[in-house]
Amino acid sequence: MSGSPKLSMKEDDGLPSTEGDDSEGSQHSGDWNNRNSTSSKRVTSPITLGSEFILSKAHTVLVEAERGPKRYVSAVLRHPITGNCLGLLTLFDAYLSCADIDRRAAGFEEPDWLSWAMDLCLLAYSLEYCMWCYVKGLRVLRDKMLVVDLLIILCGIAELLMSRVMDGLMIENFNLLRMFRIARIIRLLKLFRRFSYLKELRKLLTMATTCMRTLCWSFIFCFMVMTIWAMLLVDLVQPLILKLHEETHVFMDCEQCLRAASSVMDANLLLFKTVIAGDSWGTIAIPVIE
């Protein structure tokens, strides 16, 4: 038949081959190649982006603000060597504060070298803050640690003026000057910002700051609960204390025991000592319980 495929023998292996199958296979392969070529053309077609992105104004302002000399000053302030040196200076200032507190507690006068060294530390803090103001401008007020630095510097300047300028008025006896001197302890908070190795402590401080509101409300709630129990102590326990004192004289040598539950606030103090501090809880509790 004319429509039947023709068989031919290959000279190499003697196997029959079909000419019609070869023609159909070549036709299918040609179609497949055409499809691949079209798909490859479709894939390798160039892609052009015509979108225009909106630039951030804040980033542009930061980049423009740190051009020129400000960029070099910012690089000096952010350098690890600068941070480590200022951290060591803060530790030295803390040591000077401890030495000053110990000498004043012992009744000795403050030596001149100690006061001058502390003034030099304050000058270094002020110079660093002025450099940050030059770099950031008014944006220094957005940084919490820089605000703490500003408060430390202001307290130091106020103490310096009161102790140096008003020395003839015996200003060292004023409690205000003592509070300014105690404010030096806040300078230790600068260590969390100086050393990059204290990341865990900074995270702990951040978490403590975020939960500060919760802690305040918890303290208020605890005070309310203790006040309720203090009212019950005044109404129920105070008569028993007076009765025991009249009959057995068990509180003869303890004047504070007689007034421990005489008022609500005294009862609050008694609960605080007993529950939280554990200070001499058996002096009143055991005789009343027995």
Protein backbone atom coordinates (compact mmCIF):
# COMPACT_ATOMS: atom_id res chain seq x y z
CA MET A 1 0.00 0.00 0.00
CA SER A 2 1.17 3.49 -0.78
CA GLY A 3 0.26 4.86 2.67
CA SER A 4 2.29 2.24 4.58
CA PRO A 5 5.69 3.33 5.86
CA LYS A 6 8.71 2.07 4.05
CA LEU A 7 11.14 -0.12 5.95
CA SER A 8 14.84 0.15 5.34
CA MET A 9 17.67 -1.78 6.83
CA LYS A 10 20.61 0.07 8.33
CA GLU A 11 23.93 -1.21 7.29
CA ASP A 12 25.42 -0.93 10.77
CA ASP A 13 23.06 -2.89 12.97
CA GLY A 14 20.59 -4.43 10.56
CA LEU A 15 17.60 -2.98 12.38
CA PRO A 16 14.62 -1.73 10.44
CA SER A 17 13.89 1.98 10.38
CA THR A 18 10.72 3.80 9.50
CA GLU A 19 11.01 6.77 7.19
CA GLY A 20 7.57 8.09 8.07
CA ASP A 21 8.43 8.10 11.76
CA ASP A 22 11.62 10.00 11.03
CA SER A 23 9.76 12.66 9.12
CA GLU A 24 7.14 13.03 11.84
CA GLY A 25 9.85 13.14 14.55
CA SER A 26 11.74 15.80 12.66
CA GLN A 27 8.54 17.78 12.32
CA HIS A 28 7.84 17.52 16.08
CA SER A 29 11.42 18.42 16.92
CA GLY A 30 11.19 21.42 14.64
CA ASP A 31 8.04 22.56 16.43
CA TRP A 32 9.73 22.05 19.79
CA ASN A 33 12.76 24.06 18.71
CA ASN A 34 10.50 26.84 17.49
CA ARG A 35 8.73 26.91 20.84
CA ASN A 36 12.03 26.97 22.71
CA SER A 37 13.31 29.78 20.54
CA THR A 38 10.18 31.84 21.11
CA SER A 39 10.26 31.16 24.86
CA SER A 40 13.94 32.03 25.03
CA LYS A 41 13.25 35.23 23.16
CA ARG A 42 10.44 35.93 25.57
CA VAL A 43 12.68 35.30 28.61
CA THR A 44 15.72 37.16 27.39
CA SER A 45 13.75 40.21 26.42
CA PRO A 46 15.20 43.28 28.15
CA ILE A 47 13.28 44.57 31.19
CA THR A 48 13.17 48.28 31.77
CA LEU A 49 12.02 49.87 35.02
CA GLY A 50 10.19 53.08 34.58
CA SER A 51 9.26 53.64 38.22
CA GLU A 52 10.54 56.63 40.12
CA PHE A 53 11.12 55.91 43.80
CA ILE A 54 10.38 58.50 46.49
CA LEU A 55 13.55 59.45 48.31
CA SER A 56 13.54 59.74 52.09
CA LYS A 57 13.88 63.33 53.20
CA ALA A 58 15.19 62.37 56.65
CA HIS A 59 18.07 60.37 55.19
CA THR A 60 18.89 63.20 52.81
CA VAL A 61 18.94 65.66 55.69
CA LEU A 62 21.23 63.41 57.75
CA VAL A 63 23.62 62.97 54.84
CA GLU A 64 23.70 66.68 54.07
CA ALA A 65 24.07 67.56 57.76
CA GLU A 66 27.25 65.51 58.15
CA ARG A 67 29.10 66.88 55.15
CA GLY A 68 32.28 68.82 55.47
CA PRO A 69 33.79 69.32 58.94
CA LYS A 70 30.75 67.83 60.67
CA ARG A 71 31.46 64.48 59.06
CA TYR A 72 34.97 64.38 60.52
CA VAL A 73 33.76 65.46 63.96
CA SER A 74 31.06 62.78 63.83
CA ALA A 75 33.65 60.17 62.84
CA VAL A 76 35.83 61.15 65.80
CA LEU A 77 32.90 60.96 68.23
CA ARG A 78 31.74 57.58 66.92
CA HIS A 79 35.21 56.04 66.85
CA PRO A 80 35.67 53.12 69.31
CA ILE A 81 38.88 54.63 70.70
CA THR A 82 37.01 57.81 71.64
CA GLY A 83 34.26 55.83 73.35
CA ASN A 84 36.75 53.73 75.30
CA CYS A 85 38.74 56.77 76.42
CA LEU A 86 35.60 58.56 77.60
CA GLY A 87 34.49 55.39 79.37
CA LEU A 88 37.78 55.22 81.26
CA LEU A 89 37.41 58.91 82.08
CA THR A 90 33.94 58.20 83.50
CA LEU A 91 35.37 55.41 85.68
CA PHE A 92 38.10 57.76 86.90
CA ASP A 93 35.48 60.40 87.68
CA ALA A 94 33.46 57.81 89.63
CA TYR A 95 36.58 56.94 91.65
CA LEU A 96 37.13 60.63 92.41
CA SER A 97 33.51 60.96 93.53
CA CYS A 98 33.90 57.98 95.88
CA ALA A 99 37.11 59.43 97.32
CA ASP A 100 35.43 62.81 97.83
CA ILE A 101 32.42 61.25 99.58
CA ASP A 102 34.68 59.19 101.87
CA ARG A 103 36.77 62.23 102.84
CA ARG A 104 33.73 64.37 103.58
CA ALA A 105 32.17 61.56 105.65
CA ALA A 106 35.39 61.31 107.69
CA GLY A 107 35.38 65.08 108.29
CA PHE A 108 38.42 65.90 106.12
CA GLU A 109 38.61 68.85 103.77
CA GLU A 110 38.56 68.30 100.05
CA PRO A 111 42.10 68.59 98.58
CA ASP A 112 42.70 70.95 95.70
CA TRP A 113 43.93 68.28 93.29
CA LEU A 114 40.72 66.31 93.76
CA SER A 115 38.48 69.26 92.97
CA TRP A 116 40.58 70.25 89.95
CA ALA A 117 40.54 66.70 88.60
CA MET A 118 36.76 66.52 88.89
CA ASP A 119 36.46 69.90 87.19
CA LEU A 120 38.61 68.65 84.30
CA CYS A 121 36.31 65.65 83.92
CA LEU A 122 33.34 68.01 83.81
CA LEU A 123 35.15 70.08 81.18
CA ALA A 124 35.69 66.96 79.06
CA TYR A 125 31.99 66.09 79.32
CA SER A 126 31.04 69.62 78.30
CA LEU A 127 33.43 69.57 75.32
CA GLU A 128 32.03 66.27 74.13
CA TYR A 129 28.44 67.53 74.42
CA CYS A 130 29.32 70.69 72.47
CA MET A 131 30.74 68.50 69.71
CA TRP A 132 27.51 66.49 69.58
CA CYS A 133 25.54 69.74 69.41
CA TYR A 134 27.72 70.84 66.49
CA VAL A 135 27.07 67.58 64.64
CA LYS A 136 23.38 67.02 65.41
CA GLY A 137 22.06 70.45 66.22
CA LEU A 138 18.65 70.38 67.90
CA ARG A 139 18.44 66.64 67.29
CA VAL A 140 20.49 66.11 70.46
CA LEU A 141 17.27 66.61 72.42
CA ARG A 142 15.84 63.46 70.83
CA ASP A 143 18.64 61.27 72.16
CA LYS A 144 17.82 60.16 75.72
CA MET A 145 21.42 59.49 76.69
CA LEU A 146 22.49 62.93 75.45
CA VAL A 147 19.69 64.46 77.53
CA VAL A 148 21.09 62.59 80.55
CA ASP A 149 24.54 63.98 79.69
CA LEU A 150 23.06 67.48 79.60
CA LEU A 151 21.50 67.04 83.05
CA ILE A 152 24.81 65.75 84.43
CA ILE A 153 26.67 68.74 82.98
CA LEU A 154 24.12 71.23 84.35
CA CYS A 155 24.29 69.67 87.82
CA GLY A 156 28.09 69.79 87.70
CA ILE A 157 28.12 73.43 86.63
CA ALA A 158 25.62 74.35 89.36
CA GLU A 159 27.73 72.58 91.98
CA LEU A 160 30.87 74.29 90.67
CA LEU A 161 29.29 77.73 90.88
CA MET A 162 27.85 77.15 94.34
CA SER A 163 31.06 75.72 95.79
CA ARG A 164 33.52 78.14 94.13
CA VAL A 165 31.72 81.47 93.79
CA MET A 166 29.67 81.31 97.00
CA ASP A 167 32.31 79.77 99.21
CA GLY A 168 32.18 82.65 101.66
CA LEU A 169 28.53 82.01 102.50
CA MET A 170 29.22 78.55 103.98
CA ILE A 171 27.21 77.06 101.17
CA GLU A 172 28.62 73.59 101.84
CA ASN A 173 26.14 73.20 104.69
CA PHE A 174 23.16 73.54 102.39
CA ASN A 175 21.30 70.39 101.40
CA LEU A 176 20.97 71.65 97.83
CA LEU A 177 24.71 71.43 97.29
CA ARG A 178 24.70 67.92 98.71
CA MET A 179 22.03 66.91 96.23
CA PHE A 180 24.12 68.27 93.37
CA ARG A 181 27.08 66.28 94.65
CA ILE A 182 24.96 63.13 94.83
CA ALA A 183 23.95 63.79 91.22
CA ARG A 184 27.51 62.85 90.26
CA ILE A 185 26.48 59.22 90.70
CA ILE A 186 24.31 59.57 87.60
CA ARG A 187 27.52 59.92 85.60
CA LEU A 188 27.94 56.15 85.90
CA LEU A 189 25.03 55.83 83.46
CA LYS A 190 27.39 57.16 80.80
CA LEU A 191 29.18 53.81 80.90
CA PHE A 192 26.20 52.12 79.23
CA ARG A 193 26.70 54.43 76.29
CA ARG A 194 30.49 54.42 76.18
CA PHE A 195 31.44 50.78 75.98
CA SER A 196 30.09 48.72 73.10
CA TYR A 197 30.82 45.57 75.12
CA LEU A 198 27.95 46.27 77.56
CA LYS A 199 25.18 45.36 75.12
CA GLU A 200 23.49 42.99 77.57
CA LEU A 201 23.43 45.64 80.31
CA ARG A 202 22.02 48.19 77.89
CA LYS A 203 19.29 45.76 76.87
CA LEU A 204 18.51 45.10 80.53
CA LEU A 205 18.32 48.84 81.21
CA THR A 206 16.05 49.31 78.19
CA MET A 207 13.72 46.54 79.34
CA ALA A 208 13.64 47.98 82.87
CA THR A 209 12.75 51.38 81.44
CA THR A 210 9.93 49.98 79.31
CA CYS A 211 8.36 48.14 82.25
CA MET A 212 8.78 51.06 84.67
CA ARG A 213 5.13 52.06 84.32
CA THR A 214 4.03 48.52 85.14
CA LEU A 215 6.31 48.48 88.18
CA CYS A 216 4.88 51.79 89.41
CA TRP A 217 1.30 50.54 89.13
CA SER A 218 2.31 47.29 90.85
CA PHE A 219 3.82 49.28 93.72
CA ILE A 220 0.64 51.34 94.06
CA PHE A 221 -1.49 48.19 94.05
CA CYS A 222 0.77 46.56 96.66
CA PHE A 223 0.53 49.68 98.83
CA MET A 224 -3.27 49.62 98.61
CA VAL A 225 -3.40 45.95 99.66
CA MET A 226 -1.00 46.55 102.55
CA THR A 227 -3.04 49.57 103.64
CA ILE A 228 -6.15 47.39 103.85
CA TRP A 229 -4.30 44.91 106.04
CA ALA A 230 -2.87 47.80 108.09
CA MET A 231 -6.38 49.03 108.83
CA LEU A 232 -7.26 45.54 110.07
CA LEU A 233 -4.12 45.50 112.22
CA VAL A 234 -5.06 48.78 113.88
CA ASP A 235 -8.61 47.58 114.62
CA LEU A 236 -7.83 44.00 115.70
CA VAL A 237 -4.17 43.62 116.72
CA GLN A 238 -3.50 46.92 118.52
CA PRO A 239 -5.95 46.14 121.37
CA LEU A 240 -4.23 42.76 121.82
CA ILE A 241 -0.80 44.41 122.00
CA LEU A 242 -1.98 46.84 124.70
CA LYS A 243 -3.66 44.03 126.62
CA LEU A 244 -0.51 41.90 126.53
CA HIS A 245 1.57 44.83 127.71
CA GLU A 246 -0.74 45.48 130.67
CA GLU A 247 -1.00 41.85 131.74
CA THR A 248 2.40 40.31 131.03
CA HIS A 249 4.65 43.33 130.42
CA VAL A 250 6.08 41.45 127.43
CA PHE A 251 6.77 44.69 125.55
CA MET A 252 8.43 46.43 128.48
CA ASP A 253 11.76 46.97 126.70
CA CYS A 254 10.26 47.65 123.26
CA GLU A 255 8.73 51.07 122.92
CA GLN A 256 8.33 50.70 119.18
CA CYS A 257 6.25 47.54 119.66
CA LEU A 258 3.59 49.49 121.53
CA ARG A 259 3.11 51.94 118.67
CA ALA A 260 3.71 49.48 115.83
CA ALA A 261 -0.02 49.20 115.11
CA SER A 262 -1.17 52.47 116.65
CA SER A 263 -1.86 54.07 113.25
CA VAL A 264 -2.35 52.97 109.67
CA MET A 265 1.04 54.22 108.50
CA ASP A 266 2.83 52.62 111.46
CA ALA A 267 1.05 49.37 110.65
CA ASN A 268 2.18 49.75 107.03
CA LEU A 269 5.75 50.08 108.26
CA LEU A 270 5.28 46.98 110.43
CA LEU A 271 4.01 44.98 107.46
CA PHE A 272 6.87 46.22 105.30
CA LYS A 273 9.43 45.16 107.91
CA THR A 274 7.75 41.81 108.49
CA VAL A 275 6.87 40.75 104.94
CA ILE A 276 9.51 42.42 102.76
CA ALA A 277 12.51 43.20 104.95
CA GLY A 278 11.99 40.44 107.54
CA ASP A 279 13.36 42.77 110.24
CA SER A 280 12.64 41.46 113.79
CA TRP A 281 9.34 39.99 112.74
CA GLY A 282 9.18 37.70 115.78
CA THR A 283 9.37 40.54 118.32
CA ILE A 284 5.70 41.42 117.87
CA ALA A 285 4.29 38.57 115.81
CA ILE A 286 5.18 35.64 118.10
CA PRO A 287 3.74 37.07 121.36
CA VAL A 288 0.56 38.16 119.58
CA ILE A 289 0.16 34.76 117.88
CA GLU A 290 0.72 32.90 121.16
